[in-house]
Amino acid sequence: MMNFRSTFWLNSLLALVAIPLLAACSFAEDEDQVRVTVIEDGSTHINPVGTRLTFASSTMRAAMAKGLVGLDQEGRVVPALAARWIVSEDGLSYIFRLFDAKWDDGRQITAERVARLLRSRFSELRKSRLQYDVSVVDEVVSMTGRVIEIRLDAPHPNFLQLLAQPEMGLFRAGHGAGPMRLLSEEDGIKLNRFDEPSQEDEEEEAEQEDDRWVSLRSETAAAAIARYRAGGVQVVLNGKYHHLPLVDAADISSSDLRLDPVAGLFGLRFIRAEGFWAVPGNREILAMAINRPALLTSFPGVSAWQSRLKIIPEALDVEGINTYPDWASMTMEARTAFARNHVTRWKASEGRITPLTIALSDAAGADILFKRIQSDLRRVGLDARRVGLGKNADVELMDEIAPYDSAQWFLKQLTCTQTPVCLNDADAKIAEADAATNLQIKARLYAEIEKILVEHYNFIPIAVPIRWSLAKQGQRGFSVNSRGWHPLNTLVGIPIS
């Protein structure tokens, strides 16, 4: 529970932000004109060009620059530039037939140009969050005026989901192909329906002007929540666990808090292992000591936050391989007692144990998380110290959602390229799994790797990630989904193709 001081501070902050918004931002409801704000903890500048896109920038890119396929409001892969596609039996060839369409400057979209843009984009994305995925692409070939083929080095069962990521939207010399176009940037970004350029005169175009539009802005969580409460926006996107106390303080209706059932990694990743924490068996004590149910129920407004004891979601498990830790069936009381005895013996033989340093953001939700973990560690004779993001620490909070449903993604977040506390043997086995062409063999190798990493304890799972939005029930074109993705075009009834 939050104490009085925290609640007072949060309410005061929200009130200060909301005062000017109440006077200036309220608007009449119109489902054809939707205002959206995206929560960003860092830069609030929106730029859809590049490879390391913020959530707001990704949202804008997906609205203006279609890829071969896209995601709808349910998180499903749907046609975009490509009208249809076929996949070879061995999973190494994807053939796409393009729609007969144009870029927003009137030039015809051709397979040759799309293939060229894709080759360039795959190369650029080798330095992005999708770096491991795009490395599987061997060749992109234009076959006729409207057909292209993408050839892979090894099967990637989730390749269509990869192609649907916002980074895969294509710009040609700054020109996209919709489903929306930039209308203005005077008061935030404003986008409306993309219509292929025609030969009609300006008067005829004016008569047929589509009055549906979406405005997009990016701001801090406090400002976004206050703006929503004041009626300045209909939709807030990209809320995370550490913003939840602000929603509670703002007294937002629980029916407006929309939780996406995403998969991903939420836990403590070791980035330094010294002293007591250099031993995997001691890092296991941290995993055992955390009372996950008590931690998760400390957050307001979330009653079904699921805890995690393993790396890969159960839905992707391979039959016959148990990747849960050995202590998974123990009660919390038994785990605490075991951990306390282990720590007592260590101190008796090795001496004092330095507190675990945890790098966390400066946010109310991070305060709750740290206090819970620190309390759990103290129960077993350990302690924790908090430092800011980017400071020297033993562990950092990892809070990432998976872009697609694959064991590969989860494992590759824990390789030696991601953290110095790693296993070269696990990395080598991941490379072996990536190269496997038999999908059953590939899945079994990934399961064996998970077992190795679970016992290494370079990552301590806590829960599934939290991603939330604010939107009224019945908001057109908005649905919670497992991808945590909410396209702008569907909010005003504009199809992607």
Protein backbone atom coordinates (compact mmCIF):
# COMPACT_ATOMS: atom_id res chain seq x y z
CA MET A 1 0.00 0.00 0.00
CA MET A 2 1.15 3.57 -0.68
CA ASN A 3 1.69 5.73 2.39
CA PHE A 4 0.01 9.13 2.87
CA ARG A 5 3.06 11.07 1.77
CA SER A 6 3.31 9.22 -1.58
CA THR A 7 -0.42 9.59 -2.25
CA PHE A 8 -0.34 13.30 -1.47
CA TRP A 9 2.63 13.88 -3.76
CA LEU A 10 1.06 12.00 -6.64
CA ASN A 11 -2.29 13.76 -6.34
CA SER A 12 -0.59 17.13 -6.10
CA LEU A 13 1.45 16.49 -9.22
CA LEU A 14 -1.58 15.37 -11.20
CA ALA A 15 -3.59 18.35 -10.03
CA LEU A 16 -0.90 20.79 -11.11
CA VAL A 17 -0.70 19.25 -14.57
CA ALA A 18 -4.45 18.97 -14.96
CA ILE A 19 -5.39 22.60 -14.16
CA PRO A 20 -4.46 24.10 -17.57
CA LEU A 21 -5.74 21.02 -19.37
CA LEU A 22 -9.19 21.31 -17.81
CA ALA A 23 -9.49 24.79 -19.18
CA ALA A 24 -8.03 24.22 -22.62
CA CYS A 25 -8.26 20.62 -23.78
CA SER A 26 -11.74 19.23 -23.24
CA PHE A 27 -13.61 18.42 -26.42
CA ALA A 28 -16.90 17.04 -27.61
CA GLU A 29 -16.96 13.31 -28.36
CA ASP A 30 -16.57 12.53 -32.06
CA GLU A 31 -15.57 9.03 -33.09
CA ASP A 32 -14.18 10.35 -36.39
CA GLN A 33 -11.74 12.66 -34.58
CA VAL A 34 -9.59 10.89 -32.02
CA ARG A 35 -6.83 12.33 -29.87
CA VAL A 36 -4.10 9.94 -28.69
CA THR A 37 -1.18 10.47 -26.34
CA VAL A 38 1.71 8.04 -25.83
CA ILE A 39 3.55 7.76 -22.52
CA GLU A 40 7.32 7.98 -22.86
CA ASP A 41 9.79 7.97 -19.97
CA GLY A 42 12.56 9.46 -22.09
CA SER A 43 12.43 11.77 -25.09
CA THR A 44 8.94 12.79 -26.17
CA HIS A 45 10.12 13.80 -29.65
CA ILE A 46 8.31 11.80 -32.35
CA ASN A 47 10.32 10.83 -35.43
CA PRO A 48 9.19 7.85 -37.54
CA VAL A 49 12.54 7.56 -39.34
CA GLY A 50 15.41 5.41 -38.04
CA THR A 51 15.91 2.06 -36.37
CA ARG A 52 15.71 2.78 -32.64
CA LEU A 53 12.16 4.08 -32.48
CA THR A 54 10.26 5.11 -29.38
CA PHE A 55 6.77 3.69 -28.98
CA ALA A 56 5.27 6.96 -30.22
CA SER A 57 7.60 7.04 -33.23
CA SER A 58 6.76 3.41 -34.02
CA THR A 59 3.06 4.24 -33.83
CA MET A 60 3.49 7.11 -36.29
CA ARG A 61 5.61 5.03 -38.68
CA ALA A 62 3.04 2.22 -38.74
CA ALA A 63 0.34 4.76 -39.55
CA MET A 64 2.21 6.35 -42.47
CA ALA A 65 4.41 3.58 -43.88
CA LYS A 66 2.96 0.15 -44.56
CA GLY A 67 5.16 -2.90 -44.77
CA LEU A 68 4.32 -6.06 -46.65
CA VAL A 69 1.98 -6.97 -43.80
CA GLY A 70 0.77 -5.21 -40.67
CA LEU A 71 -1.05 -5.74 -37.39
CA ASP A 72 -4.72 -4.97 -36.84
CA GLN A 73 -6.33 -3.85 -33.57
CA GLU A 74 -6.49 -7.48 -32.41
CA GLY A 75 -2.74 -7.93 -32.95
CA ARG A 76 -3.29 -10.24 -35.94
CA VAL A 77 -1.13 -10.21 -39.07
CA VAL A 78 -3.09 -8.70 -41.99
CA PRO A 79 -2.30 -7.72 -45.61
CA ALA A 80 -0.75 -4.29 -46.14
CA LEU A 81 1.39 -3.70 -49.27
CA ALA A 82 1.05 -7.42 -49.98
CA ALA A 83 -2.38 -8.67 -50.98
CA ARG A 84 -1.48 -12.31 -50.34
CA TRP A 85 1.47 -14.63 -49.82
CA ILE A 86 2.57 -18.24 -49.80
CA VAL A 87 5.22 -19.99 -47.71
CA SER A 88 7.27 -22.93 -48.97
CA GLU A 89 6.99 -26.27 -47.14
CA ASP A 90 10.52 -25.98 -45.78
CA GLY A 91 9.80 -22.48 -44.42
CA LEU A 92 12.72 -20.95 -46.31
CA SER A 93 10.81 -19.02 -48.97
CA TYR A 94 8.07 -16.38 -48.62
CA ILE A 95 6.48 -15.15 -51.85
CA PHE A 96 4.32 -12.00 -51.75
CA ARG A 97 2.01 -10.56 -54.39
CA LEU A 98 1.62 -6.80 -54.01
CA PHE A 99 -1.51 -4.73 -54.32
CA ASP A 100 -1.69 -2.39 -57.31
CA ALA A 101 -0.97 0.79 -55.33
CA LYS A 102 1.00 4.06 -55.20
CA TRP A 103 3.25 5.97 -52.84
CA ASP A 104 1.93 9.25 -51.48
CA ASP A 105 3.73 11.20 -54.23
CA GLY A 106 1.81 9.32 -56.93
CA ARG A 107 4.60 6.98 -58.03
CA GLN A 108 3.65 3.37 -58.68
CA ILE A 109 4.66 0.78 -56.09
CA THR A 110 6.68 -1.92 -57.84
CA ALA A 111 8.19 -5.18 -56.69
CA GLU A 112 11.63 -4.00 -57.77
CA ARG A 113 11.46 -0.88 -55.58
CA VAL A 114 9.94 -2.74 -52.61
CA ALA A 115 12.63 -5.42 -52.82
CA ARG A 116 15.33 -2.73 -52.87
CA LEU A 117 13.78 -0.97 -49.88
CA LEU A 118 13.47 -4.23 -47.97
CA ARG A 119 17.09 -5.14 -48.55
CA SER A 120 18.14 -1.74 -47.24
CA ARG A 121 15.79 -1.95 -44.26
CA PHE A 122 16.95 -5.44 -43.26
CA SER A 123 20.52 -4.13 -43.31
CA GLU A 124 19.64 -1.07 -41.19
CA LEU A 125 17.79 -3.17 -38.63
CA ARG A 126 20.87 -5.25 -37.87
CA LYS A 127 21.52 -2.53 -35.26
CA SER A 128 18.09 -2.55 -33.68
CA ARG A 129 15.92 -4.61 -31.31
CA LEU A 130 15.22 -6.89 -34.29
CA GLN A 131 18.91 -7.51 -35.06
CA TYR A 132 18.80 -11.26 -34.44
CA ASP A 133 15.63 -11.76 -36.45
CA VAL A 134 16.63 -9.95 -39.63
CA SER A 135 19.93 -11.86 -39.74
CA VAL A 136 17.95 -14.91 -40.92
CA VAL A 137 17.17 -13.17 -44.24
CA ASP A 138 19.37 -14.46 -47.05
CA GLU A 139 17.99 -12.67 -50.10
CA VAL A 140 15.14 -10.46 -51.33
CA VAL A 141 14.27 -10.87 -55.00
CA SER A 142 11.76 -9.09 -57.27
CA MET A 143 10.22 -11.71 -59.53
CA THR A 144 7.74 -9.67 -61.63
CA GLY A 145 6.22 -6.21 -61.44
CA ARG A 146 4.14 -7.17 -58.41
CA VAL A 147 5.76 -10.28 -56.90
CA ILE A 148 8.74 -10.50 -54.55
CA GLU A 149 10.38 -13.41 -52.74
CA ILE A 150 12.20 -13.36 -49.40
CA ARG A 151 14.55 -16.28 -48.90
CA LEU A 152 15.77 -17.31 -45.43
CA ASP A 153 18.89 -19.13 -44.22
CA ALA A 154 16.84 -21.12 -41.69
CA PRO A 155 13.13 -21.45 -40.90
CA HIS A 156 11.64 -18.64 -38.81
CA PRO A 157 8.12 -19.75 -37.81
CA ASN A 158 7.24 -16.21 -36.75
CA PHE A 159 8.61 -14.44 -39.80
CA LEU A 160 5.26 -12.86 -40.74
CA GLN A 161 4.96 -11.40 -37.24
CA LEU A 162 8.45 -9.99 -37.70
CA LEU A 163 7.47 -8.38 -41.02
CA ALA A 164 4.43 -6.84 -39.29
CA GLN A 165 6.57 -4.89 -36.80
CA PRO A 166 6.36 -1.09 -37.22
CA GLU A 167 10.07 -0.88 -38.06
CA MET A 168 9.30 -2.85 -41.22
CA GLY A 169 7.11 -0.07 -42.60
CA LEU A 170 8.66 1.28 -45.81
CA PHE A 171 9.41 4.86 -46.80
CA ARG A 172 10.59 5.67 -50.34
CA ALA A 173 12.53 8.94 -50.30
CA GLY A 174 10.36 10.05 -47.38
CA HIS A 175 7.12 8.89 -48.97
CA GLY A 176 4.95 6.16 -47.44
CA ALA A 177 1.86 4.39 -48.67
CA GLY A 178 -0.52 4.92 -45.77
CA PRO A 179 -2.87 3.86 -44.34
CA MET A 180 -2.65 7.48 -43.10
CA ARG A 181 -0.80 10.61 -44.14
CA LEU A 182 0.57 13.58 -42.23
CA LEU A 183 -1.94 16.42 -42.24
CA SER A 184 -0.22 18.93 -39.95
CA GLU A 185 2.20 19.34 -37.03
CA GLU A 186 0.84 22.58 -35.58
CA ASP A 187 -0.57 21.24 -32.30
CA GLY A 188 0.93 17.80 -32.10
CA ILE A 189 0.94 15.45 -35.05
CA LYS A 190 -2.29 15.16 -37.01
CA LEU A 191 -2.91 12.33 -39.47
CA ASN A 192 -5.83 11.60 -41.74
CA ARG A 193 -6.77 9.07 -44.40
CA PHE A 194 -4.23 8.31 -47.08
CA ASP A 195 -5.77 8.38 -50.54
CA GLU A 196 -3.72 7.59 -53.59
CA PRO A 197 -3.03 10.77 -55.59
CA SER A 198 -5.50 11.24 -58.45
CA GLN A 199 -5.92 13.53 -61.43
CA GLU A 200 -9.01 15.23 -60.02
CA ASP A 201 -8.84 18.98 -59.65
CA GLU A 202 -8.56 20.62 -56.22
CA GLU A 203 -12.26 21.51 -56.10
CA GLU A 204 -13.34 17.89 -56.57
CA GLU A 205 -10.78 16.74 -54.02
CA ALA A 206 -12.07 19.26 -51.49
CA GLU A 207 -15.61 17.97 -51.94
CA GLN A 208 -14.44 14.42 -51.25
CA GLU A 209 -12.20 15.34 -48.28
CA ASP A 210 -12.37 12.72 -45.52
CA ASP A 211 -12.90 14.45 -42.16
CA ARG A 212 -11.58 11.50 -40.12
CA TRP A 213 -8.31 12.24 -38.34
CA VAL A 214 -6.16 11.22 -35.38
CA SER A 215 -3.89 13.54 -33.42
CA LEU A 216 -0.80 12.03 -31.81
CA ARG A 217 1.38 13.41 -29.07
CA SER A 218 3.95 12.01 -26.62
CA GLU A 219 4.44 13.08 -23.00
CA THR A 220 5.18 11.95 -19.48
CA ALA A 221 2.85 9.58 -17.67
CA ALA A 222 1.60 12.29 -15.29
CA ALA A 223 0.75 14.66 -18.14
CA ALA A 224 -0.88 11.91 -20.23
CA ILE A 225 -3.07 10.67 -17.38
CA ALA A 226 -4.09 14.20 -16.39
CA ARG A 227 -4.92 15.02 -20.01
CA TYR A 228 -7.13 11.92 -20.24
CA ARG A 229 -8.92 12.73 -17.02
CA ALA A 230 -9.53 16.29 -18.21
CA GLY A 231 -11.05 15.02 -21.48
CA GLY A 232 -8.17 16.20 -23.64
CA VAL A 233 -7.54 12.80 -25.23
CA GLN A 234 -9.61 9.67 -25.77
CA VAL A 235 -6.74 7.17 -25.72
CA VAL A 236 -3.50 6.84 -23.71
CA LEU A 237 -0.95 4.24 -24.87
CA ASN A 238 2.23 2.59 -23.55
CA GLY A 239 1.55 2.55 -19.82
CA LYS A 240 3.93 0.37 -17.79
CA TYR A 241 4.06 -1.07 -14.28
CA HIS A 242 5.80 1.92 -12.70
CA HIS A 243 3.08 4.31 -13.92
CA LEU A 244 0.22 2.42 -12.24
CA PRO A 245 0.24 4.42 -8.96
CA LEU A 246 -0.39 7.58 -11.01
CA VAL A 247 -3.53 6.02 -12.50
CA ASP A 248 -4.71 5.15 -9.01
CA ALA A 249 -3.96 8.65 -7.71
CA ALA A 250 -5.90 10.20 -10.61
CA ASP A 251 -8.97 8.13 -9.69
CA ILE A 252 -9.39 6.84 -13.25
CA SER A 253 -12.31 4.43 -13.67
CA SER A 254 -11.15 0.83 -13.48
CA SER A 255 -13.14 0.08 -16.65
CA ASP A 256 -10.95 2.57 -18.56
CA LEU A 257 -7.71 0.83 -17.56
CA ARG A 258 -7.14 -1.67 -20.38
CA LEU A 259 -4.47 -4.33 -19.79
CA ASP A 260 -2.87 -6.10 -22.75
CA PRO A 261 -2.17 -9.85 -22.17
CA VAL A 262 1.39 -9.54 -23.47
CA ALA A 263 4.27 -11.98 -23.15
CA GLY A 264 7.82 -10.93 -22.43
CA LEU A 265 10.46 -10.64 -19.73
CA PHE A 266 9.92 -8.81 -16.45
CA GLY A 267 12.56 -9.48 -13.86
CA LEU A 268 16.11 -8.79 -12.68
CA ARG A 269 18.94 -9.33 -15.16
CA PHE A 270 22.43 -9.57 -13.67
CA ILE A 271 24.89 -7.19 -15.30
CA ARG A 272 27.61 -7.65 -12.68
CA ALA A 273 28.41 -10.69 -10.55
CA GLU A 274 30.90 -10.15 -7.73
CA GLY A 275 31.39 -11.63 -4.29
CA PHE A 276 28.33 -13.52 -3.05
CA TRP A 277 26.48 -12.87 -6.33
CA ALA A 278 29.21 -14.41 -8.50
CA VAL A 279 27.96 -17.90 -7.60
CA PRO A 280 24.87 -19.17 -9.49
CA GLY A 281 23.69 -20.99 -6.35
CA ASN A 282 23.66 -17.67 -4.50
CA ARG A 283 21.81 -15.88 -7.29
CA GLU A 284 19.26 -18.69 -6.90
CA ILE A 285 18.66 -17.41 -3.34
CA LEU A 286 17.45 -14.11 -4.79
CA ALA A 287 15.00 -15.98 -7.01
CA MET A 288 13.73 -17.99 -4.05
CA ALA A 289 13.45 -15.03 -1.67
CA ILE A 290 11.15 -12.84 -3.79
CA ASN A 291 7.52 -13.19 -2.74
CA ARG A 292 5.99 -12.64 -6.15
CA PRO A 293 2.28 -12.73 -5.21
CA ALA A 294 2.82 -10.17 -2.43
CA LEU A 295 4.86 -7.95 -4.75
CA LEU A 296 2.35 -8.01 -7.59
CA THR A 297 -0.69 -7.36 -5.39
CA SER A 298 1.02 -4.24 -4.04
CA PHE A 299 0.19 -2.43 -7.27
CA PRO A 300 -3.21 -0.70 -7.44
CA GLY A 301 -5.73 -1.49 -10.16
CA VAL A 302 -4.18 -4.80 -11.27
CA SER A 303 -5.72 -7.94 -9.85
CA ALA A 304 -4.56 -10.53 -12.39
CA TRP A 305 -0.85 -9.76 -12.81
CA GLN A 306 0.77 -13.16 -13.40
CA SER A 307 4.00 -14.15 -11.70
CA ARG A 308 6.76 -16.10 -13.48
CA LEU A 309 9.39 -18.58 -12.27
CA LYS A 310 10.86 -19.46 -15.67
CA ILE A 311 12.09 -17.65 -18.77
CA ILE A 312 9.93 -18.92 -21.65
CA PRO A 313 6.11 -18.83 -21.39
CA GLU A 314 4.45 -22.16 -20.66
CA ALA A 315 2.62 -22.03 -24.00
CA LEU A 316 5.96 -22.52 -25.77
CA ASP A 317 7.17 -25.38 -23.58
CA VAL A 318 8.36 -28.64 -25.13
CA GLU A 319 6.80 -31.82 -23.80
CA GLY A 320 9.13 -33.86 -21.64
CA ILE A 321 11.46 -31.02 -20.63
CA ASN A 322 10.77 -29.38 -17.26
CA THR A 323 12.42 -25.98 -17.15
CA TYR A 324 11.00 -24.85 -13.80
CA PRO A 325 13.56 -24.40 -10.99
CA ASP A 326 13.84 -27.30 -8.54
CA TRP A 327 12.26 -25.27 -5.72
CA ALA A 328 9.17 -24.24 -7.73
CA SER A 329 6.84 -26.52 -5.73
CA MET A 330 8.03 -25.28 -2.32
CA THR A 331 5.84 -22.97 -0.24
CA MET A 332 6.98 -19.40 0.27
CA GLU A 333 7.66 -20.16 3.94
CA ALA A 334 9.86 -23.13 3.04
CA ARG A 335 11.74 -21.11 0.44
CA THR A 336 12.37 -18.31 2.91
CA ALA A 337 13.66 -20.73 5.54
CA PHE A 338 15.94 -22.49 3.05
CA ALA A 339 17.34 -19.18 1.79
CA ARG A 340 17.90 -17.86 5.33
CA ASN A 341 19.86 -20.97 6.32
CA HIS A 342 21.95 -20.78 3.15
CA VAL A 343 22.84 -17.12 3.79
CA THR A 344 23.66 -17.81 7.46
CA ARG A 345 26.08 -20.58 6.49
CA TRP A 346 27.72 -18.39 3.82
CA LYS A 347 28.26 -15.51 6.25
CA ALA A 348 29.73 -17.87 8.82
CA SER A 349 32.36 -19.08 6.38
CA GLU A 350 32.86 -16.11 4.04
CA GLY A 351 31.90 -13.05 6.06
CA ARG A 352 29.73 -10.01 5.27
CA ILE A 353 27.65 -9.91 2.07
CA THR A 354 27.49 -6.62 0.17
CA PRO A 355 23.92 -5.40 -0.50
CA LEU A 356 22.56 -6.14 -3.97
CA THR A 357 22.47 -2.95 -6.04
CA ILE A 358 19.40 -2.62 -8.26
CA ALA A 359 19.11 -0.08 -11.10
CA LEU A 360 15.56 1.26 -11.36
CA SER A 361 13.76 4.24 -12.85
CA ASP A 362 12.73 7.17 -10.65
CA ALA A 363 9.02 6.43 -10.46
CA ALA A 364 6.39 5.64 -7.85
CA GLY A 365 5.90 2.08 -9.11
CA ALA A 366 9.65 1.45 -9.01
CA ASP A 367 9.58 2.58 -5.35
CA ILE A 368 7.02 -0.13 -4.58
CA LEU A 369 8.99 -2.78 -6.46
CA PHE A 370 12.26 -1.94 -4.70
CA LYS A 371 10.75 -1.84 -1.20
CA ARG A 372 9.16 -5.24 -1.72
CA ILE A 373 12.36 -6.86 -2.99
CA GLN A 374 14.44 -5.23 -0.26
CA SER A 375 12.00 -6.47 2.40
CA ASP A 376 12.10 -10.01 0.99
CA LEU A 377 15.90 -10.01 0.98
CA ARG A 378 16.09 -8.76 4.54
CA ARG A 379 13.92 -11.68 5.64
CA VAL A 380 16.68 -14.07 4.54
CA GLY A 381 19.60 -12.03 5.88
CA LEU A 382 20.46 -10.05 2.74
CA ASP A 383 19.90 -6.43 1.78
CA ALA A 384 19.47 -4.29 -1.34
CA ARG A 385 20.43 -0.79 -2.38
CA ARG A 386 18.80 1.20 -5.15
CA VAL A 387 20.61 3.22 -7.83
CA GLY A 388 19.38 5.14 -10.84
CA LEU A 389 19.29 3.84 -14.39
CA GLY A 390 22.70 3.89 -16.02
CA LYS A 391 24.55 3.73 -12.69
CA ASN A 392 26.82 0.89 -11.59
CA ALA A 393 24.61 -1.95 -10.39
CA ASP A 394 24.51 -5.69 -9.92
CA VAL A 395 21.11 -6.08 -11.58
CA GLU A 396 18.80 -4.04 -13.75
CA LEU A 397 15.07 -4.40 -14.14
CA MET A 398 14.22 -5.90 -17.50
CA ASP A 399 10.75 -4.98 -18.74
CA GLU A 400 10.39 -5.98 -22.38
CA ILE A 401 7.50 -7.44 -24.37
CA ALA A 402 8.12 -10.10 -27.01
CA PRO A 403 7.40 -8.90 -30.57
CA TYR A 404 6.33 -12.41 -31.62
CA ASP A 405 5.68 -15.86 -30.17
CA SER A 406 9.05 -17.60 -30.18
CA ALA A 407 11.33 -19.15 -27.56
CA GLN A 408 14.25 -17.72 -29.53
CA TRP A 409 13.45 -14.13 -28.57
CA PHE A 410 13.37 -14.87 -24.83
CA LEU A 411 16.70 -16.68 -24.84
CA LYS A 412 18.51 -14.10 -26.93
CA GLN A 413 17.86 -11.39 -24.36
CA LEU A 414 20.22 -13.27 -22.01
CA THR A 415 23.18 -13.90 -24.32
CA CYS A 416 26.69 -12.54 -23.93
CA THR A 417 25.89 -9.67 -26.30
CA GLN A 418 23.18 -8.49 -23.88
CA THR A 419 24.81 -9.00 -20.47
CA PRO A 420 28.34 -9.80 -19.25
CA VAL A 421 26.89 -12.33 -16.79
CA CYS A 422 26.32 -15.07 -19.32
CA LEU A 423 27.29 -18.54 -20.54
CA ASN A 424 29.28 -19.02 -23.75
CA ASP A 425 28.03 -22.62 -23.90
CA ALA A 426 24.42 -21.38 -23.93
CA ASP A 427 25.24 -18.92 -26.70
CA ALA A 428 26.80 -21.67 -28.79
CA LYS A 429 23.76 -23.87 -28.30
CA ILE A 430 21.46 -20.99 -29.32
CA ALA A 431 23.45 -20.66 -32.55
CA GLU A 432 23.02 -24.41 -33.11
CA ALA A 433 19.25 -24.10 -32.59
CA ASP A 434 19.03 -21.11 -34.94
CA ALA A 435 20.72 -23.09 -37.71
CA ALA A 436 18.50 -26.16 -37.29
CA THR A 437 16.07 -26.64 -40.17
CA ASN A 438 13.84 -29.15 -38.38
CA LEU A 439 11.35 -27.20 -36.24
CA GLN A 440 10.97 -29.97 -33.64
CA ILE A 441 14.72 -30.18 -33.17
CA LYS A 442 14.90 -26.40 -32.98
CA ALA A 443 12.20 -26.26 -30.26
CA ARG A 444 13.86 -29.00 -28.21
CA LEU A 445 17.23 -27.25 -28.35
CA TYR A 446 15.65 -24.00 -27.17
CA ALA A 447 14.03 -25.87 -24.24
CA GLU A 448 17.40 -27.38 -23.28
CA ILE A 449 18.97 -23.90 -23.41
CA GLU A 450 16.27 -22.53 -21.13
CA LYS A 451 17.05 -25.23 -18.57
CA ILE A 452 20.74 -24.26 -18.67
CA LEU A 453 19.93 -20.56 -18.20
CA VAL A 454 17.38 -21.17 -15.45
CA GLU A 455 20.10 -22.97 -13.47
CA HIS A 456 22.61 -20.19 -14.25
CA TYR A 457 20.32 -17.51 -12.76
CA ASN A 458 21.63 -14.59 -14.75
CA PHE A 459 17.96 -13.58 -15.02
CA ILE A 460 15.47 -13.74 -12.16
CA PRO A 461 11.92 -13.86 -13.58
CA ILE A 462 9.28 -12.05 -11.54
CA ALA A 463 6.17 -11.68 -13.72
CA VAL A 464 4.83 -11.11 -17.19
CA PRO A 465 5.28 -7.48 -18.27
CA ILE A 466 2.46 -5.01 -17.73
CA ARG A 467 1.30 -2.88 -20.66
CA TRP A 468 -1.82 -0.79 -20.22
CA SER A 469 -3.82 1.83 -22.04
CA LEU A 470 -6.61 4.19 -21.08
CA ALA A 471 -9.71 4.08 -23.28
CA LYS A 472 -13.43 4.02 -22.72
CA GLN A 473 -15.25 0.74 -23.19
CA GLY A 474 -16.59 0.71 -26.75
CA GLN A 475 -13.82 2.94 -28.14
CA ARG A 476 -13.91 2.23 -31.87
CA GLY A 477 -10.97 0.33 -33.31
CA PHE A 478 -9.37 -0.38 -29.93
CA SER A 479 -8.90 -3.87 -28.50
CA VAL A 480 -6.56 -5.29 -25.91
CA ASN A 481 -4.31 -7.88 -27.51
CA SER A 482 -1.28 -10.08 -26.93
CA ARG A 483 1.02 -7.84 -28.97
CA GLY A 484 0.28 -4.70 -26.95
CA TRP A 485 -0.13 -2.87 -30.27
CA HIS A 486 -2.83 -0.33 -31.05
CA PRO A 487 -2.83 1.12 -34.60
CA LEU A 488 -4.11 4.65 -35.12
CA ASN A 489 -6.00 4.05 -38.37
CA THR A 490 -8.49 1.64 -36.84
CA LEU A 491 -9.50 4.21 -34.21
CA VAL A 492 -11.28 6.19 -36.92
CA GLY A 493 -12.33 3.26 -39.09
CA ILE A 494 -9.60 3.52 -41.73
CA PRO A 495 -8.51 0.08 -43.05
CA ILE A 496 -4.83 -0.72 -43.44
CA SER A 497 -5.29 -1.68 -47.12
